[in-house]
């Protein structure tokens, strides 16, 4: 059986992301590190639009209004076409860009990070700041967790009840995952298949049922599995 969890989302027509698969963060997370008496707190979240990313950044700034700096970066879209970094008062290129570079190195999409710094009285220098913001980002992402989102198609297979046992056994030992089974005049099996394998799946169902199955395509959605 698949280790996909239930956090799936139907794809809207015109959605930015229609990649076969991609990596993003599991959800919201935070993590704090201390370097030379300065506190660096990483706040990590998923953001599928620039508006969501900006709203998250503003929320963290409001929450940490007394911080010395609230630096941020985000990477959004199929081709990373929306990306922005903000140093929020730190020397140019020492905070926002290092955060963004970690997102790129980890190949994450639809991700926003805010690093809140409470200055501890010891200056770190440009190199020290770059390392500190990069480390805070990496550890924040590790704490939050990374998931792989796989583009899937829900396939609907309607057959006579005499085929149910055979199809269930075949499906449960295959690369496909049963989503649900509906019982009516005919039995209907909903199955997750990779978007580019729907034709192969249909042919397999036809073969298993000697052409007695009615097969149709359903929703396209992303399913998530946790990356180790």
Foldseek 3Di string as FASTA:
>chain_A
DDQWDPPKDFDDVPQQDDDQKAKAFPAWFKDWDADPQKIKMKIKGFAADVVRQVVVQVVVCVVPVVFPAWWKWAFYGPVSPDIDTGPRPDPPPQARVLLVVLCVVVRHHRMMMIITMHDRPDDLPSVRSSVVNNVNNVVRRVRRFMKMKGKKWKKKKWAAPVCVVVVVVVQVPDPKAWPDWDDDNTIITIIIDRPVCPVVVVVVVCVSRVNRMDMDIDTIMITIHTDD
